Amino acid sequence: MSTIKAAVDDLLNNRQLTAAEALDRHFGPTFRQRTNGRWDDRAAVLARAIQLRDVVEHATITVLDELAVGDRYAERHLIDLRHRDGTRTVQEVYLFAERDADGRFTRIEEAAVVWRD
């Protein structure tokens, strides 16, 4: 079963995997994501992951709360992004998700707030 921590770590930190391989590992083929009210399909999520890999040196994910019941998943975390230019962004993220029979995410709906740059 995928977790957000494992997914984000593979997407942003694990350079042994391509972004597409990391996405395939944790997200099903029909995956879609809504962030702060805006829906993105799987292709848009992959494009964003590739862009983030270009600008982020390292991501640290701190899980604050996590609950999984059947195919439903809820989680709250802090993500600390250390950028290649030396800047840093920290976000607090609240999310609800569904996973498929293989344990990969099929849908994520999240709200993210930047609380420190």
N, C-alpha and C. Protein backbone atom coordinates (compact mmCIF):
# COMPACT_ATOMS: atom_id res chain seq x y z
N MET A 1 0.83 -1.19 0.00
CA MET A 1 0.00 0.00 0.00
C MET A 1 0.87 1.25 0.00
N SER A 2 0.63 2.11 -0.95
CA SER A 2 1.38 3.36 -1.02
C SER A 2 0.94 4.32 0.08
N THR A 3 1.88 5.11 0.53
CA THR A 3 1.62 6.22 1.44
C THR A 3 2.08 7.49 0.74
N ILE A 4 1.60 8.62 1.18
CA ILE A 4 2.03 9.88 0.59
C ILE A 4 3.52 10.11 0.83
N LYS A 5 3.99 9.78 2.03
CA LYS A 5 5.41 9.96 2.32
C LYS A 5 6.26 9.17 1.34
N ALA A 6 5.93 7.91 1.10
CA ALA A 6 6.69 7.08 0.17
C ALA A 6 6.59 7.62 -1.26
N ALA A 7 5.38 8.05 -1.64
CA ALA A 7 5.18 8.56 -2.99
C ALA A 7 5.98 9.83 -3.24
N VAL A 8 5.90 10.78 -2.33
CA VAL A 8 6.63 12.04 -2.49
C VAL A 8 8.14 11.80 -2.44
N ASP A 9 8.57 10.92 -1.57
CA ASP A 9 10.00 10.61 -1.49
C ASP A 9 10.49 10.04 -2.83
N ASP A 10 9.75 9.09 -3.40
CA ASP A 10 10.16 8.54 -4.69
C ASP A 10 10.09 9.59 -5.80
N LEU A 11 9.04 10.41 -5.81
CA LEU A 11 8.88 11.41 -6.86
C LEU A 11 9.96 12.49 -6.82
N LEU A 12 10.33 12.95 -5.63
CA LEU A 12 11.23 14.10 -5.54
C LEU A 12 12.65 13.76 -5.12
N ASN A 13 12.85 12.69 -4.36
CA ASN A 13 14.18 12.41 -3.84
C ASN A 13 14.87 11.21 -4.48
N ASN A 14 14.12 10.24 -4.92
CA ASN A 14 14.71 9.00 -5.44
C ASN A 14 15.06 9.16 -6.92
N ARG A 15 16.28 9.60 -7.18
CA ARG A 15 16.71 9.84 -8.56
C ARG A 15 17.11 8.55 -9.28
N GLN A 16 17.03 7.41 -8.57
CA GLN A 16 17.24 6.12 -9.22
C GLN A 16 16.04 5.78 -10.11
N LEU A 17 14.89 6.38 -9.79
CA LEU A 17 13.68 6.21 -10.59
C LEU A 17 13.45 7.46 -11.41
N THR A 18 12.92 7.30 -12.63
CA THR A 18 12.44 8.47 -13.36
C THR A 18 11.15 8.93 -12.68
N ALA A 19 10.72 10.14 -12.99
CA ALA A 19 9.46 10.62 -12.43
C ALA A 19 8.30 9.72 -12.88
N ALA A 20 8.34 9.26 -14.12
CA ALA A 20 7.28 8.37 -14.62
C ALA A 20 7.28 7.03 -13.87
N GLU A 21 8.45 6.48 -13.60
CA GLU A 21 8.53 5.22 -12.85
C GLU A 21 8.01 5.40 -11.42
N ALA A 22 8.36 6.53 -10.80
CA ALA A 22 7.87 6.81 -9.45
C ALA A 22 6.36 6.97 -9.44
N LEU A 23 5.83 7.65 -10.45
CA LEU A 23 4.39 7.83 -10.54
C LEU A 23 3.70 6.48 -10.72
N ASP A 24 4.23 5.63 -11.60
CA ASP A 24 3.64 4.31 -11.82
C ASP A 24 3.66 3.46 -10.55
N ARG A 25 4.67 3.63 -9.74
CA ARG A 25 4.81 2.84 -8.51
C ARG A 25 3.70 3.15 -7.50
N HIS A 26 3.27 4.42 -7.45
CA HIS A 26 2.36 4.86 -6.37
C HIS A 26 0.98 5.32 -6.83
N PHE A 27 0.79 5.53 -8.14
CA PHE A 27 -0.45 6.11 -8.64
C PHE A 27 -0.99 5.28 -9.80
N GLY A 28 -2.27 4.94 -9.73
CA GLY A 28 -2.91 4.14 -10.76
C GLY A 28 -3.05 4.89 -12.07
N PRO A 29 -3.40 4.16 -13.14
CA PRO A 29 -3.48 4.76 -14.48
C PRO A 29 -4.58 5.81 -14.64
N THR A 30 -5.60 5.78 -13.81
CA THR A 30 -6.68 6.77 -13.91
C THR A 30 -6.56 7.87 -12.85
N PHE A 31 -5.40 7.98 -12.23
CA PHE A 31 -5.20 8.92 -11.13
C PHE A 31 -5.54 10.35 -11.54
N ARG A 32 -6.17 11.06 -10.59
CA ARG A 32 -6.38 12.51 -10.73
C ARG A 32 -6.28 13.13 -9.35
N GLN A 33 -5.95 14.42 -9.34
CA GLN A 33 -5.67 15.10 -8.08
C GLN A 33 -6.30 16.48 -8.09
N ARG A 34 -6.91 16.83 -6.96
CA ARG A 34 -7.44 18.18 -6.78
C ARG A 34 -6.66 18.85 -5.66
N THR A 35 -6.02 19.96 -5.98
CA THR A 35 -5.25 20.72 -5.00
C THR A 35 -5.83 22.12 -4.91
N ASN A 36 -6.27 22.47 -3.71
CA ASN A 36 -6.87 23.79 -3.47
C ASN A 36 -7.95 24.11 -4.50
N GLY A 37 -8.77 23.08 -4.85
CA GLY A 37 -9.91 23.27 -5.73
C GLY A 37 -9.64 23.05 -7.20
N ARG A 38 -8.41 22.85 -7.61
CA ARG A 38 -8.07 22.68 -9.03
C ARG A 38 -7.75 21.22 -9.34
N TRP A 39 -8.48 20.63 -10.30
CA TRP A 39 -8.26 19.24 -10.69
C TRP A 39 -7.15 19.14 -11.73
N ASP A 40 -6.30 18.13 -11.58
CA ASP A 40 -5.27 17.79 -12.57
C ASP A 40 -5.39 16.31 -12.88
N ASP A 41 -5.16 15.96 -14.15
CA ASP A 41 -5.12 14.55 -14.51
C ASP A 41 -3.71 14.01 -14.30
N ARG A 42 -3.54 12.75 -14.56
CA ARG A 42 -2.25 12.08 -14.31
C ARG A 42 -1.11 12.74 -15.10
N ALA A 43 -1.37 13.10 -16.33
CA ALA A 43 -0.34 13.73 -17.17
C ALA A 43 0.13 15.06 -16.57
N ALA A 44 -0.79 15.84 -16.06
CA ALA A 44 -0.43 17.12 -15.44
C ALA A 44 0.36 16.90 -14.15
N VAL A 45 0.00 15.88 -13.39
CA VAL A 45 0.74 15.56 -12.16
C VAL A 45 2.17 15.14 -12.51
N LEU A 46 2.33 14.34 -13.54
CA LEU A 46 3.67 13.93 -13.98
C LEU A 46 4.48 15.14 -14.43
N ALA A 47 3.89 16.02 -15.20
CA ALA A 47 4.60 17.22 -15.67
C ALA A 47 5.04 18.07 -14.48
N ARG A 48 4.18 18.20 -13.47
CA ARG A 48 4.55 18.98 -12.28
C ARG A 48 5.68 18.32 -11.51
N ALA A 49 5.66 16.99 -11.41
CA ALA A 49 6.73 16.26 -10.71
C ALA A 49 8.07 16.46 -11.43
N ILE A 50 8.05 16.42 -12.75
CA ILE A 50 9.28 16.63 -13.52
C ILE A 50 9.80 18.04 -13.29
N GLN A 51 8.90 19.03 -13.29
CA GLN A 51 9.30 20.42 -13.04
C GLN A 51 9.88 20.58 -11.63
N LEU A 52 9.23 19.97 -10.64
CA LEU A 52 9.72 20.07 -9.26
C LEU A 52 11.10 19.42 -9.12
N ARG A 53 11.32 18.30 -9.80
CA ARG A 53 12.63 17.65 -9.73
C ARG A 53 13.74 18.58 -10.23
N ASP A 54 13.41 19.45 -11.17
CA ASP A 54 14.40 20.38 -11.70
C ASP A 54 14.78 21.47 -10.71
N VAL A 55 13.85 21.87 -9.83
CA VAL A 55 14.11 23.00 -8.94
C VAL A 55 14.32 22.60 -7.48
N VAL A 56 13.92 21.40 -7.09
CA VAL A 56 14.03 20.97 -5.70
C VAL A 56 15.25 20.09 -5.50
N GLU A 57 16.09 20.48 -4.56
CA GLU A 57 17.26 19.69 -4.20
C GLU A 57 16.87 18.49 -3.35
N HIS A 58 16.00 18.76 -2.35
CA HIS A 58 15.57 17.68 -1.45
C HIS A 58 14.24 18.04 -0.81
N ALA A 59 13.39 17.04 -0.64
CA ALA A 59 12.11 17.20 0.04
C ALA A 59 12.11 16.36 1.30
N THR A 60 11.69 16.97 2.42
CA THR A 60 11.52 16.25 3.67
C THR A 60 10.05 16.26 4.02
N ILE A 61 9.49 15.07 4.20
CA ILE A 61 8.08 14.92 4.50
C ILE A 61 7.94 14.46 5.94
N THR A 62 7.20 15.22 6.74
CA THR A 62 6.93 14.86 8.13
C THR A 62 5.44 14.58 8.26
N VAL A 63 5.09 13.33 8.48
CA VAL A 63 3.69 12.95 8.63
C VAL A 63 3.23 13.29 10.04
N LEU A 64 2.15 14.06 10.12
CA LEU A 64 1.60 14.48 11.41
C LEU A 64 0.43 13.60 11.83
N ASP A 65 -0.40 13.21 10.88
CA ASP A 65 -1.54 12.33 11.13
C ASP A 65 -1.75 11.48 9.89
N GLU A 66 -2.15 10.22 10.10
CA GLU A 66 -2.39 9.33 8.96
C GLU A 66 -3.41 8.27 9.37
N LEU A 67 -4.38 8.03 8.49
CA LEU A 67 -5.41 7.04 8.76
C LEU A 67 -5.77 6.34 7.45
N ALA A 68 -5.79 5.02 7.48
CA ALA A 68 -6.20 4.23 6.33
C ALA A 68 -7.26 3.24 6.77
N VAL A 69 -8.38 3.21 6.05
CA VAL A 69 -9.45 2.27 6.31
C VAL A 69 -9.91 1.75 4.96
N GLY A 70 -9.66 0.48 4.69
CA GLY A 70 -10.00 -0.08 3.39
C GLY A 70 -9.27 0.67 2.29
N ASP A 71 -10.01 1.14 1.29
CA ASP A 71 -9.39 1.87 0.18
C ASP A 71 -9.31 3.38 0.44
N ARG A 72 -9.76 3.82 1.60
CA ARG A 72 -9.74 5.25 1.94
C ARG A 72 -8.51 5.60 2.76
N TYR A 73 -7.99 6.81 2.51
CA TYR A 73 -6.74 7.24 3.13
C TYR A 73 -6.86 8.72 3.46
N ALA A 74 -6.47 9.11 4.65
CA ALA A 74 -6.45 10.51 5.05
C ALA A 74 -5.10 10.78 5.71
N GLU A 75 -4.59 11.99 5.49
CA GLU A 75 -3.25 12.25 5.99
C GLU A 75 -3.04 13.76 6.11
N ARG A 76 -2.17 14.15 7.04
CA ARG A 76 -1.74 15.54 7.19
C ARG A 76 -0.24 15.52 7.35
N HIS A 77 0.44 16.35 6.57
CA HIS A 77 1.90 16.35 6.65
C HIS A 77 2.47 17.75 6.41
N LEU A 78 3.72 17.90 6.80
CA LEU A 78 4.51 19.06 6.43
C LEU A 78 5.49 18.60 5.36
N ILE A 79 5.64 19.41 4.34
CA ILE A 79 6.65 19.13 3.32
C ILE A 79 7.58 20.33 3.26
N ASP A 80 8.84 20.05 3.46
CA ASP A 80 9.90 21.06 3.48
C ASP A 80 10.72 20.88 2.21
N LEU A 81 10.60 21.83 1.30
CA LEU A 81 11.30 21.77 0.02
C LEU A 81 12.52 22.66 0.04
N ARG A 82 13.68 22.06 -0.09
CA ARG A 82 14.93 22.82 -0.19
C ARG A 82 15.25 22.93 -1.68
N HIS A 83 15.19 24.16 -2.18
CA HIS A 83 15.38 24.42 -3.62
C HIS A 83 16.87 24.50 -3.97
N ARG A 84 17.16 24.23 -5.22
CA ARG A 84 18.55 24.27 -5.70
C ARG A 84 19.15 25.67 -5.59
N ASP A 85 18.31 26.71 -5.63
CA ASP A 85 18.82 28.08 -5.52
C ASP A 85 19.04 28.52 -4.07
N GLY A 86 18.83 27.59 -3.12
CA GLY A 86 19.06 27.89 -1.72
C GLY A 86 17.83 28.32 -0.95
N THR A 87 16.74 28.60 -1.63
CA THR A 87 15.51 28.98 -0.94
C THR A 87 14.81 27.73 -0.41
N ARG A 88 13.84 27.98 0.44
CA ARG A 88 13.14 26.89 1.10
C ARG A 88 11.65 27.23 1.18
N THR A 89 10.81 26.25 0.96
CA THR A 89 9.37 26.41 1.09
C THR A 89 8.84 25.29 1.97
N VAL A 90 7.98 25.64 2.93
CA VAL A 90 7.35 24.65 3.78
C VAL A 90 5.85 24.77 3.60
N GLN A 91 5.20 23.64 3.39
CA GLN A 91 3.75 23.60 3.24
C GLN A 91 3.16 22.62 4.25
N GLU A 92 1.98 22.98 4.75
CA GLU A 92 1.20 22.03 5.52
C GLU A 92 0.09 21.55 4.59
N VAL A 93 -0.07 20.24 4.49
CA VAL A 93 -1.00 19.65 3.53
C VAL A 93 -1.98 18.73 4.26
N TYR A 94 -3.26 18.90 3.95
CA TYR A 94 -4.33 18.03 4.43
C TYR A 94 -4.89 17.33 3.21
N LEU A 95 -5.03 15.98 3.28
CA LEU A 95 -5.54 15.30 2.10
C LEU A 95 -6.41 14.11 2.43
N PHE A 96 -7.27 13.81 1.47
CA PHE A 96 -8.11 12.62 1.48
C PHE A 96 -7.86 11.92 0.16
N ALA A 97 -7.82 10.59 0.19
CA ALA A 97 -7.50 9.85 -1.02
C ALA A 97 -8.22 8.52 -1.07
N GLU A 98 -8.18 7.94 -2.26
CA GLU A 98 -8.65 6.57 -2.49
C GLU A 98 -7.51 5.80 -3.14
N ARG A 99 -7.44 4.49 -2.80
CA ARG A 99 -6.43 3.62 -3.41
C ARG A 99 -7.14 2.47 -4.13
N ASP A 100 -6.49 1.94 -5.17
CA ASP A 100 -7.05 0.81 -5.91
C ASP A 100 -6.68 -0.51 -5.23
N ALA A 101 -7.09 -1.61 -5.83
CA ALA A 101 -6.84 -2.93 -5.25
C ALA A 101 -5.35 -3.23 -5.12
N ASP A 102 -4.52 -2.58 -5.94
CA ASP A 102 -3.06 -2.75 -5.86
C ASP A 102 -2.42 -1.86 -4.81
N GLY A 103 -3.23 -0.99 -4.17
CA GLY A 103 -2.70 -0.09 -3.14
C GLY A 103 -2.18 1.22 -3.67
N ARG A 104 -2.37 1.47 -4.98
CA ARG A 104 -1.91 2.73 -5.57
C ARG A 104 -3.04 3.77 -5.52
N PHE A 105 -2.66 5.02 -5.42
CA PHE A 105 -3.65 6.09 -5.34
C PHE A 105 -4.37 6.26 -6.67
N THR A 106 -5.70 6.42 -6.59
CA THR A 106 -6.51 6.71 -7.77
C THR A 106 -7.04 8.14 -7.74
N ARG A 107 -7.16 8.69 -6.54
CA ARG A 107 -7.67 10.05 -6.39
C ARG A 107 -7.11 10.64 -5.11
N ILE A 108 -6.68 11.89 -5.21
CA ILE A 108 -6.27 12.66 -4.03
C ILE A 108 -6.96 14.02 -4.11
N GLU A 109 -7.53 14.43 -2.98
CA GLU A 109 -8.06 15.78 -2.85
C GLU A 109 -7.36 16.40 -1.66
N GLU A 110 -6.70 17.55 -1.89
CA GLU A 110 -5.88 18.12 -0.83
C GLU A 110 -6.00 19.64 -0.78
N ALA A 111 -5.68 20.15 0.39
CA ALA A 111 -5.55 21.59 0.61
C ALA A 111 -4.16 21.80 1.16
N ALA A 112 -3.44 22.72 0.54
CA ALA A 112 -2.07 22.99 0.94
C ALA A 112 -1.91 24.48 1.26
N VAL A 113 -1.23 24.75 2.35
CA VAL A 113 -0.99 26.14 2.77
C VAL A 113 0.50 26.33 2.97
N VAL A 114 1.07 27.32 2.28
CA VAL A 114 2.46 27.68 2.50
C VAL A 114 2.50 28.52 3.76
N TRP A 115 3.25 28.08 4.74
CA TRP A 115 3.29 28.84 6.00
C TRP A 115 4.65 29.42 6.31
N ARG A 116 5.64 29.11 5.47
CA ARG A 116 6.96 29.72 5.68
C ARG A 116 7.76 29.58 4.40
N ASP A 117 8.37 30.64 3.97
CA ASP A 117 9.29 30.59 2.82
C ASP A 117 10.70 30.86 3.27
